[in-house]
Amino acid sequence: MRESWTDDRLDDFAAHTDQRFDSLERRMENGFRDVNTRLDSLQKTMIQSSVVTIAALLGLIATQL
């Protein structure tokens, strides 16, 4: 293990660290985009199911009158 770091090595370390964080940020953005897409799809399905259920209940009530 080195006892001291030169300015060049610190600059290299900083650049490498920045690249790694940029890569992580891109992966997280893609992951969040995928999650948002899936949640949007789930929300659409839930709304459609609710509409169908309400229509079925109204139909049942109308036939019982």
PDB file of N, CA and C in Angstrom:
ATOM      1  N   MET A   1       0.839  -1.180   0.000  1.00  0.00           N
ATOM      2  CA  MET A   1       0.000   0.000   0.000  1.00  0.00           C
ATOM      3  C   MET A   1       0.880   1.237   0.000  1.00  0.00           C
ATOM      4  N   ARG A   2       0.508   2.176  -0.846  1.00  0.00           N
ATOM      5  CA  ARG A   2       1.294   3.404  -0.916  1.00  0.00           C
ATOM      6  C   ARG A   2       1.039   4.269   0.317  1.00  0.00           C
ATOM      7  N   GLU A   3       2.085   4.960   0.717  1.00  0.00           N
ATOM      8  CA  GLU A   3       1.956   5.897   1.827  1.00  0.00           C
ATOM      9  C   GLU A   3       1.447   7.250   1.354  1.00  0.00           C
ATOM     10  N   SER A   4       1.688   7.575   0.073  1.00  0.00           N
ATOM     11  CA  SER A   4       1.247   8.866  -0.441  1.00  0.00           C
ATOM     12  C   SER A   4       0.768   8.695  -1.874  1.00  0.00           C
ATOM     13  N   TRP A   5      -0.042   9.603  -2.303  1.00  0.00           N
ATOM     14  CA  TRP A   5      -0.586   9.578  -3.642  1.00  0.00           C
ATOM     15  C   TRP A   5      -0.076  10.814  -4.384  1.00  0.00           C
ATOM     16  N   THR A   6       0.311  10.602  -5.628  1.00  0.00           N
ATOM     17  CA  THR A   6       0.729  11.748  -6.437  1.00  0.00           C
ATOM     18  C   THR A   6      -0.515  12.424  -7.010  1.00  0.00           C
ATOM     19  N   ASP A   7      -0.344  13.644  -7.460  1.00  0.00           N
ATOM     20  CA  ASP A   7      -1.471  14.365  -8.062  1.00  0.00           C
ATOM     21  C   ASP A   7      -2.014  13.629  -9.277  1.00  0.00           C
ATOM     22  N   ASP A   8      -1.130  13.052 -10.073  1.00  0.00           N
ATOM     23  CA  ASP A   8      -1.567  12.310 -11.254  1.00  0.00           C
ATOM     24  C   ASP A   8      -2.409  11.103 -10.874  1.00  0.00           C
ATOM     25  N   ARG A   9      -1.970  10.393  -9.847  1.00  0.00           N
ATOM     26  CA  ARG A   9      -2.733   9.215  -9.419  1.00  0.00           C
ATOM     27  C   ARG A   9      -4.079   9.624  -8.837  1.00  0.00           C
ATOM     28  N   LEU A  10      -4.115  10.715  -8.106  1.00  0.00           N
ATOM     29  CA  LEU A  10      -5.391  11.194  -7.571  1.00  0.00           C
ATOM     30  C   LEU A  10      -6.325  11.618  -8.705  1.00  0.00           C
ATOM     31  N   ASP A  11      -5.779  12.263  -9.739  1.00  0.00           N
ATOM     32  CA  ASP A  11      -6.586  12.648 -10.898  1.00  0.00           C
ATOM     33  C   ASP A  11      -7.134  11.418 -11.611  1.00  0.00           C
ATOM     34  N   ASP A  12      -6.295  10.395 -11.775  1.00  0.00           N
ATOM     35  CA  ASP A  12      -6.742   9.142 -12.403  1.00  0.00           C
ATOM     36  C   ASP A  12      -7.847   8.489 -11.580  1.00  0.00           C
ATOM     37  N   PHE A  13      -7.661   8.481 -10.273  1.00  0.00           N
ATOM     38  CA  PHE A  13      -8.667   7.897  -9.383  1.00  0.00           C
ATOM     39  C   PHE A  13      -9.983   8.661  -9.497  1.00  0.00           C
ATOM     40  N   ALA A  14      -9.924   9.979  -9.506  1.00  0.00           N
ATOM     41  CA  ALA A  14     -11.137  10.799  -9.608  1.00  0.00           C
ATOM     42  C   ALA A  14     -11.846  10.547 -10.935  1.00  0.00           C
ATOM     43  N   ALA A  15     -11.095  10.470 -12.020  1.00  0.00           N
ATOM     44  CA  ALA A  15     -11.694  10.231 -13.338  1.00  0.00           C
ATOM     45  C   ALA A  15     -12.358   8.858 -13.382  1.00  0.00           C
ATOM     46  N   HIS A  16     -11.672   7.865 -12.842  1.00  0.00           N
ATOM     47  CA  HIS A  16     -12.213   6.506 -12.819  1.00  0.00           C
ATOM     48  C   HIS A  16     -13.487   6.464 -11.968  1.00  0.00           C
ATOM     49  N   THR A  17     -13.464   7.123 -10.841  1.00  0.00           N
ATOM     50  CA  THR A  17     -14.627   7.161  -9.952  1.00  0.00           C
ATOM     51  C   THR A  17     -15.806   7.839 -10.650  1.00  0.00           C
ATOM     52  N   ASP A  18     -15.548   8.945 -11.331  1.00  0.00           N
ATOM     53  CA  ASP A  18     -16.605   9.632 -12.069  1.00  0.00           C
ATOM     54  C   ASP A  18     -17.212   8.731 -13.134  1.00  0.00           C
ATOM     55  N   GLN A  19     -16.371   7.991 -13.855  1.00  0.00           N
ATOM     56  CA  GLN A  19     -16.872   7.080 -14.889  1.00  0.00           C
ATOM     57  C   GLN A  19     -17.748   6.003 -14.280  1.00  0.00           C
ATOM     58  N   ARG A  20     -17.325   5.477 -13.163  1.00  0.00           N
ATOM     59  CA  ARG A  20     -18.117   4.415 -12.520  1.00  0.00           C
ATOM     60  C   ARG A  20     -19.469   4.943 -12.053  1.00  0.00           C
ATOM     61  N   PHE A  21     -19.481   6.144 -11.467  1.00  0.00           N
ATOM     62  CA  PHE A  21     -20.752   6.714 -11.023  1.00  0.00           C
ATOM     63  C   PHE A  21     -21.654   7.051 -12.212  1.00  0.00           C
ATOM     64  N   ASP A  22     -21.080   7.523 -13.309  1.00  0.00           N
ATOM     65  CA  ASP A  22     -21.879   7.794 -14.506  1.00  0.00           C
ATOM     66  C   ASP A  22     -22.519   6.508 -15.022  1.00  0.00           C
ATOM     67  N   SER A  23     -21.744   5.435 -15.023  1.00  0.00           N
ATOM     68  CA  SER A  23     -22.264   4.140 -15.460  1.00  0.00           C
ATOM     69  C   SER A  23     -23.393   3.670 -14.536  1.00  0.00           C
ATOM     70  N   LEU A  24     -23.193   3.805 -13.257  1.00  0.00           N
ATOM     71  CA  LEU A  24     -24.218   3.409 -12.282  1.00  0.00           C
ATOM     72  C   LEU A  24     -25.473   4.245 -12.459  1.00  0.00           C
ATOM     73  N   GLU A  25     -25.305   5.530 -12.673  1.00  0.00           N
ATOM     74  CA  GLU A  25     -26.448   6.411 -12.858  1.00  0.00           C
ATOM     75  C   GLU A  25     -27.258   6.008 -14.089  1.00  0.00           C
ATOM     76  N   ARG A  26     -26.585   5.681 -15.193  1.00  0.00           N
ATOM     77  CA  ARG A  26     -27.286   5.238 -16.408  1.00  0.00           C
ATOM     78  C   ARG A  26     -28.064   3.955 -16.147  1.00  0.00           C
ATOM     79  N   ARG A  27     -27.446   3.009 -15.454  1.00  0.00           N
ATOM     80  CA  ARG A  27     -28.137   1.745 -15.165  1.00  0.00           C
ATOM     81  C   ARG A  27     -29.344   1.978 -14.266  1.00  0.00           C
ATOM     82  N   MET A  28     -29.214   2.851 -13.286  1.00  0.00           N
ATOM     83  CA  MET A  28     -30.337   3.133 -12.399  1.00  0.00           C
ATOM     84  C   MET A  28     -31.475   3.823 -13.154  1.00  0.00           C
ATOM     85  N   GLU A  29     -31.136   4.761 -14.045  1.00  0.00           N
ATOM     86  CA  GLU A  29     -32.164   5.430 -14.839  1.00  0.00           C
ATOM     87  C   GLU A  29     -32.918   4.418 -15.693  1.00  0.00           C
ATOM     88  N   ASN A  30     -32.194   3.493 -16.311  1.00  0.00           N
ATOM     89  CA  ASN A  30     -32.845   2.453 -17.117  1.00  0.00           C
ATOM     90  C   ASN A  30     -33.731   1.569 -16.251  1.00  0.00           C
ATOM     91  N   GLY A  31     -33.249   1.217 -15.081  1.00  0.00           N
ATOM     92  CA  GLY A  31     -34.031   0.382 -14.172  1.00  0.00           C
ATOM     93  C   GLY A  31     -35.299   1.083 -13.718  1.00  0.00           C
ATOM     94  N   PHE A  32     -35.189   2.367 -13.361  1.00  0.00           N
ATOM     95  CA  PHE A  32     -36.369   3.115 -12.941  1.00  0.00           C
ATOM     96  C   PHE A  32     -37.353   3.276 -14.096  1.00  0.00           C
ATOM     97  N   ARG A  33     -36.837   3.453 -15.299  1.00  0.00           N
ATOM     98  CA  ARG A  33     -37.716   3.565 -16.467  1.00  0.00           C
ATOM     99  C   ARG A  33     -38.501   2.264 -16.644  1.00  0.00           C
ATOM    100  N   ASP A  34     -37.837   1.133 -16.477  1.00  0.00           N
ATOM    101  CA  ASP A  34     -38.515  -0.166 -16.595  1.00  0.00           C
ATOM    102  C   ASP A  34     -39.579  -0.333 -15.515  1.00  0.00           C
ATOM    103  N   VAL A  35     -39.259   0.059 -14.296  1.00  0.00           N
ATOM    104  CA  VAL A  35     -40.222  -0.050 -13.191  1.00  0.00           C
ATOM    105  C   VAL A  35     -41.426   0.845 -13.463  1.00  0.00           C
ATOM    106  N   ASN A  36     -41.182   2.064 -13.927  1.00  0.00           N
ATOM    107  CA  ASN A  36     -42.289   2.974 -14.235  1.00  0.00           C
ATOM    108  C   ASN A  36     -43.187   2.407 -15.321  1.00  0.00           C
ATOM    109  N   THR A  37     -42.595   1.789 -16.325  1.00  0.00           N
ATOM    110  CA  THR A  37     -43.373   1.185 -17.403  1.00  0.00           C
ATOM    111  C   THR A  37     -44.248   0.068 -16.856  1.00  0.00           C
ATOM    112  N   ARG A  38     -43.679  -0.740 -15.994  1.00  0.00           N
ATOM    113  CA  ARG A  38     -44.443  -1.857 -15.424  1.00  0.00           C
ATOM    114  C   ARG A  38     -45.557  -1.360 -14.513  1.00  0.00           C
ATOM    115  N   LEU A  39     -45.291  -0.320 -13.738  1.00  0.00           N
ATOM    116  CA  LEU A  39     -46.333   0.234 -12.870  1.00  0.00           C
ATOM    117  C   LEU A  39     -47.448   0.874 -13.694  1.00  0.00           C
ATOM    118  N   ASP A  40     -47.098   1.546 -14.782  1.00  0.00           N
ATOM    119  CA  ASP A  40     -48.117   2.114 -15.665  1.00  0.00           C
ATOM    120  C   ASP A  40     -49.009   1.015 -16.233  1.00  0.00           C
ATOM    121  N   SER A  41     -48.402  -0.085 -16.627  1.00  0.00           N
ATOM    122  CA  SER A  41     -49.164  -1.206 -17.161  1.00  0.00           C
ATOM    123  C   SER A  41     -50.084  -1.804 -16.094  1.00  0.00           C
ATOM    124  N   LEU A  42     -49.576  -1.932 -14.882  1.00  0.00           N
ATOM    125  CA  LEU A  42     -50.383  -2.459 -13.783  1.00  0.00           C
ATOM    126  C   LEU A  42     -51.555  -1.537 -13.485  1.00  0.00           C
ATOM    127  N   GLN A  43     -51.306  -0.226 -13.484  1.00  0.00           N
ATOM    128  CA  GLN A  43     -52.368   0.734 -13.218  1.00  0.00           C
ATOM    129  C   GLN A  43     -53.454   0.635 -14.286  1.00  0.00           C
ATOM    130  N   LYS A  44     -53.057   0.508 -15.541  1.00  0.00           N
ATOM    131  CA  LYS A  44     -54.022   0.385 -16.631  1.00  0.00           C
ATOM    132  C   LYS A  44     -54.871  -0.876 -16.450  1.00  0.00           C
ATOM    133  N   THR A  45     -54.235  -1.966 -16.089  1.00  0.00           N
ATOM    134  CA  THR A  45     -54.952  -3.222 -15.880  1.00  0.00           C
ATOM    135  C   THR A  45     -55.938  -3.106 -14.721  1.00  0.00           C
ATOM    136  N   MET A  46     -55.516  -2.450 -13.649  1.00  0.00           N
ATOM    137  CA  MET A  46     -56.404  -2.285 -12.492  1.00  0.00           C
ATOM    138  C   MET A  46     -57.617  -1.424 -12.848  1.00  0.00           C
ATOM    139  N   ILE A  47     -57.416  -0.366 -13.618  1.00  0.00           N
ATOM    140  CA  ILE A  47     -58.533   0.488 -14.023  1.00  0.00           C
ATOM    141  C   ILE A  47     -59.498  -0.293 -14.909  1.00  0.00           C
ATOM    142  N   GLN A  48     -58.953  -1.053 -15.859  1.00  0.00           N
ATOM    143  CA  GLN A  48     -59.810  -1.852 -16.740  1.00  0.00           C
ATOM    144  C   GLN A  48     -60.605  -2.873 -15.935  1.00  0.00           C
ATOM    145  N   SER A  49     -59.974  -3.501 -14.966  1.00  0.00           N
ATOM    146  CA  SER A  49     -60.661  -4.489 -14.126  1.00  0.00           C
ATOM    147  C   SER A  49     -61.768  -3.834 -13.317  1.00  0.00           C
ATOM    148  N   SER A  50     -61.504  -2.643 -12.823  1.00  0.00           N
ATOM    149  CA  SER A  50     -62.518  -1.922 -12.047  1.00  0.00           C
ATOM    150  C   SER A  50     -63.720  -1.575 -12.916  1.00  0.00           C
ATOM    151  N   VAL A  51     -63.471  -1.111 -14.133  1.00  0.00           N
ATOM    152  CA  VAL A  51     -64.559  -0.759 -15.048  1.00  0.00           C
ATOM    153  C   VAL A  51     -65.398  -1.992 -15.375  1.00  0.00           C
ATOM    154  N   VAL A  52     -64.748  -3.101 -15.640  1.00  0.00           N
ATOM    155  CA  VAL A  52     -65.473  -4.342 -15.954  1.00  0.00           C
ATOM    156  C   VAL A  52     -66.296  -4.801 -14.755  1.00  0.00           C
ATOM    157  N   THR A  53     -65.727  -4.714 -13.564  1.00  0.00           N
ATOM    158  CA  THR A  53     -66.444  -5.125 -12.357  1.00  0.00           C
ATOM    159  C   THR A  53     -67.669  -4.244 -12.124  1.00  0.00           C
ATOM    160  N   ILE A  54     -67.509  -2.941 -12.273  1.00  0.00           N
ATOM    161  CA  ILE A  54     -68.641  -2.026 -12.092  1.00  0.00           C
ATOM    162  C   ILE A  54     -69.722  -2.297 -13.134  1.00  0.00           C
ATOM    163  N   ALA A  55     -69.334  -2.527 -14.376  1.00  0.00           N
ATOM    164  CA  ALA A  55     -70.300  -2.823 -15.429  1.00  0.00           C
ATOM    165  C   ALA A  55     -71.033  -4.121 -15.112  1.00  0.00           C
ATOM    166  N   ALA A  56     -70.334  -5.112 -14.639  1.00  0.00           N
ATOM    167  CA  ALA A  56     -70.966  -6.392 -14.301  1.00  0.00           C
ATOM    168  C   ALA A  56     -71.956  -6.212 -13.142  1.00  0.00           C
ATOM    169  N   LEU A  57     -71.569  -5.442 -12.138  1.00  0.00           N
ATOM    170  CA  LEU A  57     -72.479  -5.194 -11.009  1.00  0.00           C
ATOM    171  C   LEU A  57     -73.715  -4.422 -11.451  1.00  0.00           C
ATOM    172  N   LEU A  58     -73.545  -3.416 -12.301  1.00  0.00           N
ATOM    173  CA  LEU A  58     -74.684  -2.674 -12.808  1.00  0.00           C
ATOM    174  C   LEU A  58     -75.600  -3.570 -13.629  1.00  0.00           C
ATOM    175  N   GLY A  59     -75.013  -4.454 -14.421  1.00  0.00           N
ATOM    176  CA  GLY A  59     -75.818  -5.404 -15.190  1.00  0.00           C
ATOM    177  C   GLY A  59     -76.589  -6.335 -14.293  1.00  0.00           C
ATOM    178  N   LEU A  60     -75.955  -6.801 -13.241  1.00  0.00           N
ATOM    179  CA  LEU A  60     -76.631  -7.684 -12.280  1.00  0.00           C
ATOM    180  C   LEU A  60     -77.760  -6.974 -11.585  1.00  0.00           C
ATOM    181  N   ILE A  61     -77.544  -5.748 -11.182  1.00  0.00           N
ATOM    182  CA  ILE A  61     -78.586  -4.964 -10.514  1.00  0.00           C
ATOM    183  C   ILE A  61     -79.740  -4.711 -11.471  1.00  0.00           C
ATOM    184  N   ALA A  62     -79.430  -4.388 -12.731  1.00  0.00           N
ATOM    185  CA  ALA A  62     -80.486  -4.104 -13.719  1.00  0.00           C
ATOM    186  C   ALA A  62     -81.339  -5.341 -13.979  1.00  0.00           C
ATOM    187  N   THR A  63     -80.755  -6.516 -13.954  1.00  0.00           N
ATOM    188  CA  THR A  63     -81.552  -7.731 -14.217  1.00  0.00           C
ATOM    189  C   THR A  63     -82.388  -8.133 -13.013  1.00  0.00           C
ATOM    190  N   GLN A  64     -82.049  -7.639 -11.847  1.00  0.00           N
ATOM    191  CA  GLN A  64     -82.790  -8.005 -10.640  1.00  0.00           C
ATOM    192  C   GLN A  64     -83.938  -7.062 -10.356  1.00  0.00           C
ATOM    193  N   LEU A  65     -84.037  -5.973 -11.093  1.00  0.00           N
ATOM    194  CA  LEU A  65     -85.127  -5.000 -10.849  1.00  0.00           C
ATOM    195  C   LEU A  65     -86.393  -5.412 -11.474  1.00  0.00           C
TER     196      LEU A  65
END
